[in-house]
Amino acid sequence: MLDKEVLRKKQDFSAIYKKGASVGSKFVVVFFIKNNYGYNRKAFLASKKVGNSVKRNRARRLMKESYRELSSRIKIGYDLIFIARNTINGQKEADVKKSIEAALKKLKLI
C-alpha cells in the first residue's frame, strides 16, 4: 500500500514549484506550499549533480532520517520537497539535520 504522506504526482510537484516558496541552506533546498490535509506530504530528491547512485541514495537517506527526527516539531499541513545539493556528499547526519532545521526555521515551519 502506498504511503499517503509521500508526494508522487507530477501536478503536485509542478504546483509546489510554481506557487510555493523556497529557501536554501548549506546542504539542502526546501520548497513548500500549504495543503488542506491534516498531515505533511514530502519528497526527497537528489539529482545526478550530487553524484552516482550510491551518493544520491545516501543523500536521500540522510535527509529522510533528519526529517524523521525533526518531524514532531514541524507544523502540520504542508507539502515539502527537500532537494539535496552536491555539498551534502561526505557529510554526517547531524550536519544535514542542522541544515534542514535552519531551512525550516527560515520558513517558520518549526
PDB file of N, CA and C in Angstrom:
ATOM      1  N   MET A   1       0.840  -1.184   0.000  1.00  0.00           N
ATOM      2  CA  MET A   1       0.000   0.000   0.000  1.00  0.00           C
ATOM      3  C   MET A   1       0.889   1.253   0.000  1.00  0.00           C
ATOM      4  N   LEU A   2       0.482   2.258  -0.756  1.00  0.00           N
ATOM      5  CA  LEU A   2       1.261   3.484  -0.858  1.00  0.00           C
ATOM      6  C   LEU A   2       1.057   4.368   0.361  1.00  0.00           C
ATOM      7  N   ASP A   3       2.116   5.026   0.777  1.00  0.00           N
ATOM      8  CA  ASP A   3       2.072   5.945   1.902  1.00  0.00           C
ATOM      9  C   ASP A   3       1.448   7.261   1.446  1.00  0.00           C
ATOM     10  N   LYS A   4       0.416   7.717   2.134  1.00  0.00           N
ATOM     11  CA  LYS A   4      -0.285   8.942   1.743  1.00  0.00           C
ATOM     12  C   LYS A   4       0.559  10.193   1.988  1.00  0.00           C
ATOM     13  N   GLU A   5       1.633  10.086   2.746  1.00  0.00           N
ATOM     14  CA  GLU A   5       2.453  11.242   3.095  1.00  0.00           C
ATOM     15  C   GLU A   5       3.625  11.461   2.133  1.00  0.00           C
ATOM     16  N   VAL A   6       3.633  10.763   1.003  1.00  0.00           N
ATOM     17  CA  VAL A   6       4.705  10.906   0.024  1.00  0.00           C
ATOM     18  C   VAL A   6       4.137  11.556  -1.235  1.00  0.00           C
ATOM     19  N   LEU A   7       4.810  12.588  -1.714  1.00  0.00           N
ATOM     20  CA  LEU A   7       4.401  13.242  -2.958  1.00  0.00           C
ATOM     21  C   LEU A   7       4.804  12.366  -4.134  1.00  0.00           C
ATOM     22  N   ARG A   8       3.868  12.145  -5.071  1.00  0.00           N
ATOM     23  CA  ARG A   8       4.163  11.301  -6.216  1.00  0.00           C
ATOM     24  C   ARG A   8       3.738  11.913  -7.548  1.00  0.00           C
ATOM     25  N   LYS A   9       2.662  12.674  -7.559  1.00  0.00           N
ATOM     26  CA  LYS A   9       2.083  13.144  -8.817  1.00  0.00           C
ATOM     27  C   LYS A   9       2.830  14.358  -9.361  1.00  0.00           C
ATOM     28  N   LYS A  10       2.999  14.363 -10.671  1.00  0.00           N
ATOM     29  CA  LYS A  10       3.697  15.456 -11.332  1.00  0.00           C
ATOM     30  C   LYS A  10       2.989  16.790 -11.095  1.00  0.00           C
ATOM     31  N   GLN A  11       1.661  16.769 -11.063  1.00  0.00           N
ATOM     32  CA  GLN A  11       0.915  18.013 -10.858  1.00  0.00           C
ATOM     33  C   GLN A  11       1.158  18.594  -9.469  1.00  0.00           C
ATOM     34  N   ASP A  12       1.380  17.756  -8.481  1.00  0.00           N
ATOM     35  CA  ASP A  12       1.701  18.240  -7.131  1.00  0.00           C
ATOM     36  C   ASP A  12       3.067  18.922  -7.124  1.00  0.00           C
ATOM     37  N   PHE A  13       4.053  18.293  -7.767  1.00  0.00           N
ATOM     38  CA  PHE A  13       5.387  18.880  -7.844  1.00  0.00           C
ATOM     39  C   PHE A  13       5.343  20.211  -8.586  1.00  0.00           C
ATOM     40  N   SER A  14       4.631  20.239  -9.708  1.00  0.00           N
ATOM     41  CA  SER A  14       4.536  21.463 -10.504  1.00  0.00           C
ATOM     42  C   SER A  14       3.899  22.592  -9.708  1.00  0.00           C
ATOM     43  N   ALA A  15       2.851  22.290  -8.957  1.00  0.00           N
ATOM     44  CA  ALA A  15       2.175  23.310  -8.151  1.00  0.00           C
ATOM     45  C   ALA A  15       3.101  23.869  -7.084  1.00  0.00           C
ATOM     46  N   ILE A  16       3.884  23.014  -6.465  1.00  0.00           N
ATOM     47  CA  ILE A  16       4.801  23.468  -5.415  1.00  0.00           C
ATOM     48  C   ILE A  16       5.893  24.357  -6.014  1.00  0.00           C
ATOM     49  N   TYR A  17       6.436  23.943  -7.162  1.00  0.00           N
ATOM     50  CA  TYR A  17       7.487  24.738  -7.792  1.00  0.00           C
ATOM     51  C   TYR A  17       6.965  26.089  -8.265  1.00  0.00           C
ATOM     52  N   LYS A  18       5.738  26.128  -8.802  1.00  0.00           N
ATOM     53  CA  LYS A  18       5.194  27.371  -9.363  1.00  0.00           C
ATOM     54  C   LYS A  18       4.651  28.315  -8.290  1.00  0.00           C
ATOM     55  N   LYS A  19       3.866  27.780  -7.360  1.00  0.00           N
ATOM     56  CA  LYS A  19       3.153  28.629  -6.402  1.00  0.00           C
ATOM     57  C   LYS A  19       3.794  28.679  -5.028  1.00  0.00           C
ATOM     58  N   GLY A  20       4.658  27.738  -4.732  1.00  0.00           N
ATOM     59  CA  GLY A  20       5.221  27.650  -3.397  1.00  0.00           C
ATOM     60  C   GLY A  20       6.422  28.552  -3.200  1.00  0.00           C
ATOM     61  N   ALA A  21       6.927  28.533  -1.977  1.00  0.00           N
ATOM     62  CA  ALA A  21       8.108  29.307  -1.614  1.00  0.00           C
ATOM     63  C   ALA A  21       9.271  28.341  -1.407  1.00  0.00           C
ATOM     64  N   SER A  22      10.483  28.886  -1.421  1.00  0.00           N
ATOM     65  CA  SER A  22      11.644  28.030  -1.206  1.00  0.00           C
ATOM     66  C   SER A  22      12.698  28.773  -0.408  1.00  0.00           C
ATOM     67  N   VAL A  23      13.553  27.993   0.202  1.00  0.00           N
ATOM     68  CA  VAL A  23      14.702  28.544   0.917  1.00  0.00           C
ATOM     69  C   VAL A  23      15.835  27.537   0.813  1.00  0.00           C
ATOM     70  N   GLY A  24      17.038  28.048   0.707  1.00  0.00           N
ATOM     71  CA  GLY A  24      18.198  27.177   0.624  1.00  0.00           C
ATOM     72  C   GLY A  24      19.017  27.242   1.890  1.00  0.00           C
ATOM     73  N   SER A  25      19.668  26.162   2.188  1.00  0.00           N
ATOM     74  CA  SER A  25      20.639  26.140   3.277  1.00  0.00           C
ATOM     75  C   SER A  25      21.898  25.479   2.732  1.00  0.00           C
ATOM     76  N   LYS A  26      22.820  25.159   3.592  1.00  0.00           N
ATOM     77  CA  LYS A  26      24.125  24.689   3.140  1.00  0.00           C
ATOM     78  C   LYS A  26      24.053  23.392   2.323  1.00  0.00           C
ATOM     79  N   PHE A  27      23.216  22.458   2.747  1.00  0.00           N
ATOM     80  CA  PHE A  27      23.174  21.148   2.105  1.00  0.00           C
ATOM     81  C   PHE A  27      21.878  20.834   1.373  1.00  0.00           C
ATOM     82  N   VAL A  28      20.810  21.596   1.631  1.00  0.00           N
ATOM     83  CA  VAL A  28      19.511  21.298   1.006  1.00  0.00           C
ATOM     84  C   VAL A  28      18.800  22.570   0.567  1.00  0.00           C
ATOM     85  N   VAL A  29      17.853  22.385  -0.358  1.00  0.00           N
ATOM     86  CA  VAL A  29      16.901  23.424  -0.736  1.00  0.00           C
ATOM     87  C   VAL A  29      15.531  22.866  -0.401  1.00  0.00           C
ATOM     88  N   VAL A  30      14.682  23.677   0.238  1.00  0.00           N
ATOM     89  CA  VAL A  30      13.354  23.221   0.631  1.00  0.00           C
ATOM     90  C   VAL A  30      12.311  24.075  -0.077  1.00  0.00           C
ATOM     91  N   PHE A  31      11.414  23.411  -0.789  1.00  0.00           N
ATOM     92  CA  PHE A  31      10.243  24.053  -1.379  1.00  0.00           C
ATOM     93  C   PHE A  31       9.040  23.649  -0.540  1.00  0.00           C
ATOM     94  N   PHE A  32       8.091  24.581  -0.365  1.00  0.00           N
ATOM     95  CA  PHE A  32       6.911  24.206   0.400  1.00  0.00           C
ATOM     96  C   PHE A  32       5.695  25.013  -0.048  1.00  0.00           C
ATOM     97  N   ILE A  33       4.533  24.450   0.228  1.00  0.00           N
ATOM     98  CA  ILE A  33       3.258  25.112  -0.015  1.00  0.00           C
ATOM     99  C   ILE A  33       2.253  24.533   0.970  1.00  0.00           C
ATOM    100  N   LYS A  34       1.302  25.323   1.359  1.00  0.00           N
ATOM    101  CA  LYS A  34       0.269  24.864   2.291  1.00  0.00           C
ATOM    102  C   LYS A  34      -0.654  23.900   1.568  1.00  0.00           C
ATOM    103  N   ASN A  35      -1.028  22.802   2.238  1.00  0.00           N
ATOM    104  CA  ASN A  35      -2.035  21.901   1.685  1.00  0.00           C
ATOM    105  C   ASN A  35      -3.243  21.891   2.620  1.00  0.00           C
ATOM    106  N   ASN A  36      -4.298  21.231   2.228  1.00  0.00           N
ATOM    107  CA  ASN A  36      -5.518  21.215   3.039  1.00  0.00           C
ATOM    108  C   ASN A  36      -5.719  19.870   3.718  1.00  0.00           C
ATOM    109  N   TYR A  37      -4.618  19.259   4.115  1.00  0.00           N
ATOM    110  CA  TYR A  37      -4.681  17.966   4.775  1.00  0.00           C
ATOM    111  C   TYR A  37      -4.220  18.109   6.223  1.00  0.00           C
ATOM    112  N   GLY A  38      -4.504  17.121   7.012  1.00  0.00           N
ATOM    113  CA  GLY A  38      -4.086  17.125   8.405  1.00  0.00           C
ATOM    114  C   GLY A  38      -2.733  16.474   8.600  1.00  0.00           C
ATOM    115  N   TYR A  39      -1.946  16.429   7.553  1.00  0.00           N
ATOM    116  CA  TYR A  39      -0.613  15.830   7.626  1.00  0.00           C
ATOM    117  C   TYR A  39       0.279  16.488   6.578  1.00  0.00           C
ATOM    118  N   ASN A  40       1.568  16.290   6.735  1.00  0.00           N
ATOM    119  CA  ASN A  40       2.536  16.809   5.766  1.00  0.00           C
ATOM    120  C   ASN A  40       2.806  15.754   4.695  1.00  0.00           C
ATOM    121  N   ARG A  41       2.924  16.214   3.455  1.00  0.00           N
ATOM    122  CA  ARG A  41       3.374  15.338   2.384  1.00  0.00           C
ATOM    123  C   ARG A  41       4.775  15.791   2.013  1.00  0.00           C
ATOM    124  N   LYS A  42       5.640  14.836   1.681  1.00  0.00           N
ATOM    125  CA  LYS A  42       7.030  15.194   1.467  1.00  0.00           C
ATOM    126  C   LYS A  42       7.654  14.371   0.351  1.00  0.00           C
ATOM    127  N   ALA A  43       8.746  14.909  -0.198  1.00  0.00           N
ATOM    128  CA  ALA A  43       9.542  14.211  -1.200  1.00  0.00           C
ATOM    129  C   ALA A  43      10.999  14.579  -0.971  1.00  0.00           C
ATOM    130  N   PHE A  44      11.881  13.622  -1.210  1.00  0.00           N
ATOM    131  CA  PHE A  44      13.320  13.820  -1.032  1.00  0.00           C
ATOM    132  C   PHE A  44      13.997  13.531  -2.367  1.00  0.00           C
ATOM    133  N   LEU A  45      14.659  14.543  -2.933  1.00  0.00           N
ATOM    134  CA  LEU A  45      15.243  14.423  -4.263  1.00  0.00           C
ATOM    135  C   LEU A  45      16.750  14.663  -4.237  1.00  0.00           C
ATOM    136  N   ALA A  46      17.440  13.955  -5.117  1.00  0.00           N
ATOM    137  CA  ALA A  46      18.871  14.179  -5.319  1.00  0.00           C
ATOM    138  C   ALA A  46      19.137  13.991  -6.811  1.00  0.00           C
ATOM    139  N   SER A  47      19.589  15.041  -7.463  1.00  0.00           N
ATOM    140  CA  SER A  47      19.828  14.972  -8.905  1.00  0.00           C
ATOM    141  C   SER A  47      21.174  14.318  -9.194  1.00  0.00           C
ATOM    142  N   LYS A  48      21.448  14.110 -10.470  1.00  0.00           N
ATOM    143  CA  LYS A  48      22.714  13.496 -10.863  1.00  0.00           C
ATOM    144  C   LYS A  48      23.898  14.397 -10.563  1.00  0.00           C
ATOM    145  N   LYS A  49      23.654  15.676 -10.308  1.00  0.00           N
ATOM    146  CA  LYS A  49      24.739  16.582  -9.920  1.00  0.00           C
ATOM    147  C   LYS A  49      25.329  16.178  -8.569  1.00  0.00           C
ATOM    148  N   VAL A  50      24.538  15.487  -7.749  1.00  0.00           N
ATOM    149  CA  VAL A  50      25.006  15.047  -6.433  1.00  0.00           C
ATOM    150  C   VAL A  50      26.051  13.952  -6.579  1.00  0.00           C
ATOM    151  N   GLY A  51      25.908  13.113  -7.597  1.00  0.00           N
ATOM    152  CA  GLY A  51      26.893  12.056  -7.810  1.00  0.00           C
ATOM    153  C   GLY A  51      26.249  10.800  -8.355  1.00  0.00           C
ATOM    154  N   ASN A  52      26.955   9.692  -8.199  1.00  0.00           N
ATOM    155  CA  ASN A  52      26.427   8.429  -8.694  1.00  0.00           C
ATOM    156  C   ASN A  52      25.282   7.937  -7.811  1.00  0.00           C
ATOM    157  N   SER A  53      24.720   6.791  -8.151  1.00  0.00           N
ATOM    158  CA  SER A  53      23.526   6.312  -7.445  1.00  0.00           C
ATOM    159  C   SER A  53      23.778   6.078  -5.958  1.00  0.00           C
ATOM    160  N   VAL A  54      24.970   5.646  -5.607  1.00  0.00           N
ATOM    161  CA  VAL A  54      25.294   5.412  -4.200  1.00  0.00           C
ATOM    162  C   VAL A  54      25.237   6.733  -3.425  1.00  0.00           C
ATOM    163  N   LYS A  55      25.819   7.786  -3.973  1.00  0.00           N
ATOM    164  CA  LYS A  55      25.829   9.096  -3.313  1.00  0.00           C
ATOM    165  C   LYS A  55      24.427   9.697  -3.255  1.00  0.00           C
ATOM    166  N   ARG A  56      23.657   9.533  -4.329  1.00  0.00           N
ATOM    167  CA  ARG A  56      22.288  10.070  -4.347  1.00  0.00           C
ATOM    168  C   ARG A  56      21.418   9.369  -3.312  1.00  0.00           C
ATOM    169  N   ASN A  57      21.537   8.052  -3.222  1.00  0.00           N
ATOM    170  CA  ASN A  57      20.746   7.304  -2.244  1.00  0.00           C
ATOM    171  C   ASN A  57      21.153   7.666  -0.822  1.00  0.00           C
ATOM    172  N   ARG A  58      22.435   7.833  -0.583  1.00  0.00           N
ATOM    173  CA  ARG A  58      22.889   8.244   0.749  1.00  0.00           C
ATOM    174  C   ARG A  58      22.343   9.619   1.094  1.00  0.00           C
ATOM    175  N   ALA A  59      22.355  10.539   0.132  1.00  0.00           N
ATOM    176  CA  ALA A  59      21.825  11.886   0.365  1.00  0.00           C
ATOM    177  C   ALA A  59      20.344  11.808   0.755  1.00  0.00           C
ATOM    178  N   ARG A  60      19.578  10.995   0.040  1.00  0.00           N
ATOM    179  CA  ARG A  60      18.151  10.851   0.368  1.00  0.00           C
ATOM    180  C   ARG A  60      17.960  10.228   1.741  1.00  0.00           C
ATOM    181  N   ARG A  61      18.763   9.235   2.074  1.00  0.00           N
ATOM    182  CA  ARG A  61      18.651   8.609   3.397  1.00  0.00           C
ATOM    183  C   ARG A  61      18.976   9.601   4.504  1.00  0.00           C
ATOM    184  N   LEU A  62      20.005  10.422   4.309  1.00  0.00           N
ATOM    185  CA  LEU A  62      20.363  11.432   5.303  1.00  0.00           C
ATOM    186  C   LEU A  62      19.216  12.430   5.503  1.00  0.00           C
ATOM    187  N   MET A  63      18.617  12.870   4.407  1.00  0.00           N
ATOM    188  CA  MET A  63      17.514  13.838   4.509  1.00  0.00           C
ATOM    189  C   MET A  63      16.293  13.209   5.174  1.00  0.00           C
ATOM    190  N   LYS A  64      15.977  11.962   4.828  1.00  0.00           N
ATOM    191  CA  LYS A  64      14.819  11.285   5.426  1.00  0.00           C
ATOM    192  C   LYS A  64      14.996  11.105   6.933  1.00  0.00           C
ATOM    193  N   GLU A  65      16.180  10.693   7.345  1.00  0.00           N
ATOM    194  CA  GLU A  65      16.436  10.488   8.777  1.00  0.00           C
ATOM    195  C   GLU A  65      16.384  11.820   9.526  1.00  0.00           C
ATOM    196  N   SER A  66      16.935  12.863   8.930  1.00  0.00           N
ATOM    197  CA  SER A  66      16.898  14.184   9.567  1.00  0.00           C
ATOM    198  C   SER A  66      15.463  14.661   9.707  1.00  0.00           C
ATOM    199  N   TYR A  67      14.656  14.474   8.658  1.00  0.00           N
ATOM    200  CA  TYR A  67      13.246  14.870   8.716  1.00  0.00           C
ATOM    201  C   TYR A  67      12.525  14.076   9.797  1.00  0.00           C
ATOM    202  N   ARG A  68      12.804  12.767   9.870  1.00  0.00           N
ATOM    203  CA  ARG A  68      12.138  11.913  10.858  1.00  0.00           C
ATOM    204  C   ARG A  68      12.402  12.412  12.280  1.00  0.00           C
ATOM    205  N   GLU A  69      13.649  12.814  12.541  1.00  0.00           N
ATOM    206  CA  GLU A  69      13.988  13.300  13.878  1.00  0.00           C
ATOM    207  C   GLU A  69      13.350  14.651  14.182  1.00  0.00           C
ATOM    208  N   LEU A  70      13.128  15.471  13.145  1.00  0.00           N
ATOM    209  CA  LEU A  70      12.544  16.800  13.338  1.00  0.00           C
ATOM    210  C   LEU A  70      11.024  16.812  13.193  1.00  0.00           C
ATOM    211  N   SER A  71      10.434  15.725  12.739  1.00  0.00           N
ATOM    212  CA  SER A  71       9.021  15.719  12.346  1.00  0.00           C
ATOM    213  C   SER A  71       8.065  16.106  13.466  1.00  0.00           C
ATOM    214  N   SER A  72       8.402  15.814  14.707  1.00  0.00           N
ATOM    215  CA  SER A  72       7.496  16.148  15.813  1.00  0.00           C
ATOM    216  C   SER A  72       7.414  17.657  16.045  1.00  0.00           C
ATOM    217  N   ARG A  73       8.410  18.418  15.560  1.00  0.00           N
ATOM    218  CA  ARG A  73       8.441  19.870  15.765  1.00  0.00           C
ATOM    219  C   ARG A  73       7.931  20.653  14.554  1.00  0.00           C
ATOM    220  N   ILE A  74       7.705  19.979  13.421  1.00  0.00           N
ATOM    221  CA  ILE A  74       7.316  20.662  12.187  1.00  0.00           C
ATOM    222  C   ILE A  74       5.808  20.865  12.160  1.00  0.00           C
ATOM    223  N   LYS A  75       5.384  22.055  11.736  1.00  0.00           N
ATOM    224  CA  LYS A  75       3.960  22.358  11.631  1.00  0.00           C
ATOM    225  C   LYS A  75       3.297  21.421  10.636  1.00  0.00           C
ATOM    226  N   ILE A  76       2.022  21.151  10.884  1.00  0.00           N
ATOM    227  CA  ILE A  76       1.256  20.202  10.069  1.00  0.00           C
ATOM    228  C   ILE A  76       0.513  20.950   8.960  1.00  0.00           C
ATOM    229  N   GLY A  77       0.319  20.283   7.824  1.00  0.00           N
ATOM    230  CA  GLY A  77      -0.493  20.827   6.752  1.00  0.00           C
ATOM    231  C   GLY A  77       0.286  21.445   5.606  1.00  0.00           C
ATOM    232  N   TYR A  78       1.470  20.892   5.291  1.00  0.00           N
ATOM    233  CA  TYR A  78       2.308  21.440   4.222  1.00  0.00           C
ATOM    234  C   TYR A  78       2.794  20.329   3.298  1.00  0.00           C
ATOM    235  N   ASP A  79       3.023  20.697   2.045  1.00  0.00           N
ATOM    236  CA  ASP A  79       3.726  19.834   1.111  1.00  0.00           C
ATOM    237  C   ASP A  79       5.168  20.320   1.069  1.00  0.00           C
ATOM    238  N   LEU A  80       6.110  19.415   1.247  1.00  0.00           N
ATOM    239  CA  LEU A  80       7.529  19.777   1.326  1.00  0.00           C
ATOM    240  C   LEU A  80       8.342  18.969   0.317  1.00  0.00           C
ATOM    241  N   ILE A  81       9.242  19.650  -0.375  1.00  0.00           N
ATOM    242  CA  ILE A  81      10.199  18.978  -1.252  1.00  0.00           C
ATOM    243  C   ILE A  81      11.596  19.343  -0.765  1.00  0.00           C
ATOM    244  N   PHE A  82      12.374  18.337  -0.430  1.00  0.00           N
ATOM    245  CA  PHE A  82      13.757  18.529   0.003  1.00  0.00           C
ATOM    246  C   PHE A  82      14.660  18.105  -1.147  1.00  0.00           C
ATOM    247  N   ILE A  83      15.503  19.016  -1.620  1.00  0.00           N
ATOM    248  CA  ILE A  83      16.411  18.730  -2.721  1.00  0.00           C
ATOM    249  C   ILE A  83      17.846  18.831  -2.205  1.00  0.00           C
ATOM    250  N   ALA A  84      18.601  17.751  -2.409  1.00  0.00           N
ATOM    251  CA  ALA A  84      19.990  17.715  -1.936  1.00  0.00           C
ATOM    252  C   ALA A  84      20.883  18.550  -2.849  1.00  0.00           C
ATOM    253  N   ARG A  85      21.792  19.291  -2.243  1.00  0.00           N
ATOM    254  CA  ARG A  85      22.837  19.979  -3.002  1.00  0.00           C
ATOM    255  C   ARG A  85      24.054  19.066  -3.062  1.00  0.00           C
ATOM    256  N   ASN A  86      24.949  19.325  -4.009  1.00  0.00           N
ATOM    257  CA  ASN A  86      26.108  18.443  -4.117  1.00  0.00           C
ATOM    258  C   ASN A  86      27.069  18.588  -2.938  1.00  0.00           C
ATOM    259  N   THR A  87      26.897  19.607  -2.105  1.00  0.00           N
ATOM    260  CA  THR A  87      27.735  19.764  -0.910  1.00  0.00           C
ATOM    261  C   THR A  87      27.387  18.748   0.181  1.00  0.00           C
ATOM    262  N   ILE A  88      26.298  18.003  -0.002  1.00  0.00           N
ATOM    263  CA  ILE A  88      25.869  17.030   1.009  1.00  0.00           C
ATOM    264  C   ILE A  88      26.786  15.801   1.041  1.00  0.00           C
ATOM    265  N   ASN A  89      27.548  15.597  -0.028  1.00  0.00           N
ATOM    266  CA  ASN A  89      28.434  14.429  -0.094  1.00  0.00           C
ATOM    267  C   ASN A  89      29.449  14.446   1.039  1.00  0.00           C
ATOM    268  N   GLY A  90      29.556  13.302   1.719  1.00  0.00           N
ATOM    269  CA  GLY A  90      30.550  13.146   2.770  1.00  0.00           C
ATOM    270  C   GLY A  90      30.179  13.769   4.100  1.00  0.00           C
ATOM    271  N   GLN A  91      28.949  14.248   4.234  1.00  0.00           N
ATOM    272  CA  GLN A  91      28.527  14.901   5.476  1.00  0.00           C
ATOM    273  C   GLN A  91      27.923  13.894   6.448  1.00  0.00           C
ATOM    274  N   LYS A  92      27.954  14.247   7.711  1.00  0.00           N
ATOM    275  CA  LYS A  92      27.344  13.439   8.758  1.00  0.00           C
ATOM    276  C   LYS A  92      25.857  13.784   8.865  1.00  0.00           C
ATOM    277  N   GLU A  93      25.100  12.866   9.425  1.00  0.00           N
ATOM    278  CA  GLU A  93      23.657  13.062   9.568  1.00  0.00           C
ATOM    279  C   GLU A  93      23.355  14.276  10.442  1.00  0.00           C
ATOM    280  N   ALA A  94      24.137  14.515  11.472  1.00  0.00           N
ATOM    281  CA  ALA A  94      23.911  15.653  12.365  1.00  0.00           C
ATOM    282  C   ALA A  94      24.043  16.982  11.619  1.00  0.00           C
ATOM    283  N   ASP A  95      24.995  17.064  10.692  1.00  0.00           N
ATOM    284  CA  ASP A  95      25.177  18.290   9.915  1.00  0.00           C
ATOM    285  C   ASP A  95      24.004  18.534   8.974  1.00  0.00           C
ATOM    286  N   VAL A  96      23.519  17.461   8.360  1.00  0.00           N
ATOM    287  CA  VAL A  96      22.372  17.579   7.456  1.00  0.00           C
ATOM    288  C   VAL A  96      21.133  17.974   8.250  1.00  0.00           C
ATOM    289  N   LYS A  97      20.995  17.410   9.439  1.00  0.00           N
ATOM    290  CA  LYS A  97      19.855  17.748  10.298  1.00  0.00           C
ATOM    291  C   LYS A  97      19.880  19.239  10.655  1.00  0.00           C
ATOM    292  N   LYS A  98      21.038  19.769  10.996  1.00  0.00           N
ATOM    293  CA  LYS A  98      21.155  21.197  11.309  1.00  0.00           C
ATOM    294  C   LYS A  98      20.789  22.054  10.106  1.00  0.00           C
ATOM    295  N   SER A  99      21.202  21.627   8.927  1.00  0.00           N
ATOM    296  CA  SER A  99      20.908  22.359   7.699  1.00  0.00           C
ATOM    297  C   SER A  99      19.410  22.377   7.412  1.00  0.00           C
ATOM    298  N   ILE A 100      18.753  21.229   7.542  1.00  0.00           N
ATOM    299  CA  ILE A 100      17.302  21.153   7.319  1.00  0.00           C
ATOM    300  C   ILE A 100      16.565  21.956   8.378  1.00  0.00           C
ATOM    301  N   GLU A 101      17.019  21.858   9.620  1.00  0.00           N
ATOM    302  CA  GLU A 101      16.391  22.616  10.701  1.00  0.00           C
ATOM    303  C   GLU A 101      16.503  24.116  10.448  1.00  0.00           C
ATOM    304  N   ALA A 102      17.656  24.581   9.983  1.00  0.00           N
ATOM    305  CA  ALA A 102      17.849  26.003   9.686  1.00  0.00           C
ATOM    306  C   ALA A 102      16.917  26.448   8.567  1.00  0.00           C
ATOM    307  N   ALA A 103      16.781  25.629   7.530  1.00  0.00           N
ATOM    308  CA  ALA A 103      15.901  25.971   6.413  1.00  0.00           C
ATOM    309  C   ALA A 103      14.446  26.041   6.870  1.00  0.00           C
ATOM    310  N   LEU A 104      14.025  25.090   7.683  1.00  0.00           N
ATOM    311  CA  LEU A 104      12.636  25.083   8.161  1.00  0.00           C
ATOM    312  C   LEU A 104      12.366  26.234   9.115  1.00  0.00           C
ATOM    313  N   LYS A 105      13.387  26.658   9.879  1.00  0.00           N
ATOM    314  CA  LYS A 105      13.214  27.821  10.743  1.00  0.00           C
ATOM    315  C   LYS A 105      13.058  29.084   9.917  1.00  0.00           C
ATOM    316  N   LYS A 106      13.808  29.209   8.803  1.00  0.00           N
ATOM    317  CA  LYS A 106      13.657  30.367   7.921  1.00  0.00           C
ATOM    318  C   LYS A 106      12.247  30.427   7.346  1.00  0.00           C
ATOM    319  N   LEU A 107      11.663  29.260   7.073  1.00  0.00           N
ATOM    320  CA  LEU A 107      10.313  29.193   6.535  1.00  0.00           C
ATOM    321  C   LEU A 107       9.241  29.278   7.620  1.00  0.00           C
ATOM    322  N   LYS A 108       9.668  29.362   8.881  1.00  0.00           N
ATOM    323  CA  LYS A 108       8.782  29.414  10.044  1.00  0.00           C
ATOM    324  C   LYS A 108       7.868  28.188  10.149  1.00  0.00           C
ATOM    325  N   LEU A 109       8.433  27.043   9.799  1.00  0.00           N
ATOM    326  CA  LEU A 109       7.699  25.780   9.933  1.00  0.00           C
ATOM    327  C   LEU A 109       8.069  25.043  11.215  1.00  0.00           C
ATOM    328  N   ILE A 110       9.086  25.540  11.909  1.00  0.00           N
ATOM    329  CA  ILE A 110       9.460  24.962  13.218  1.00  0.00           C
ATOM    330  C   ILE A 110       9.220  26.062  14.247  1.00  0.00           C
TER     331      ILE A 110
END
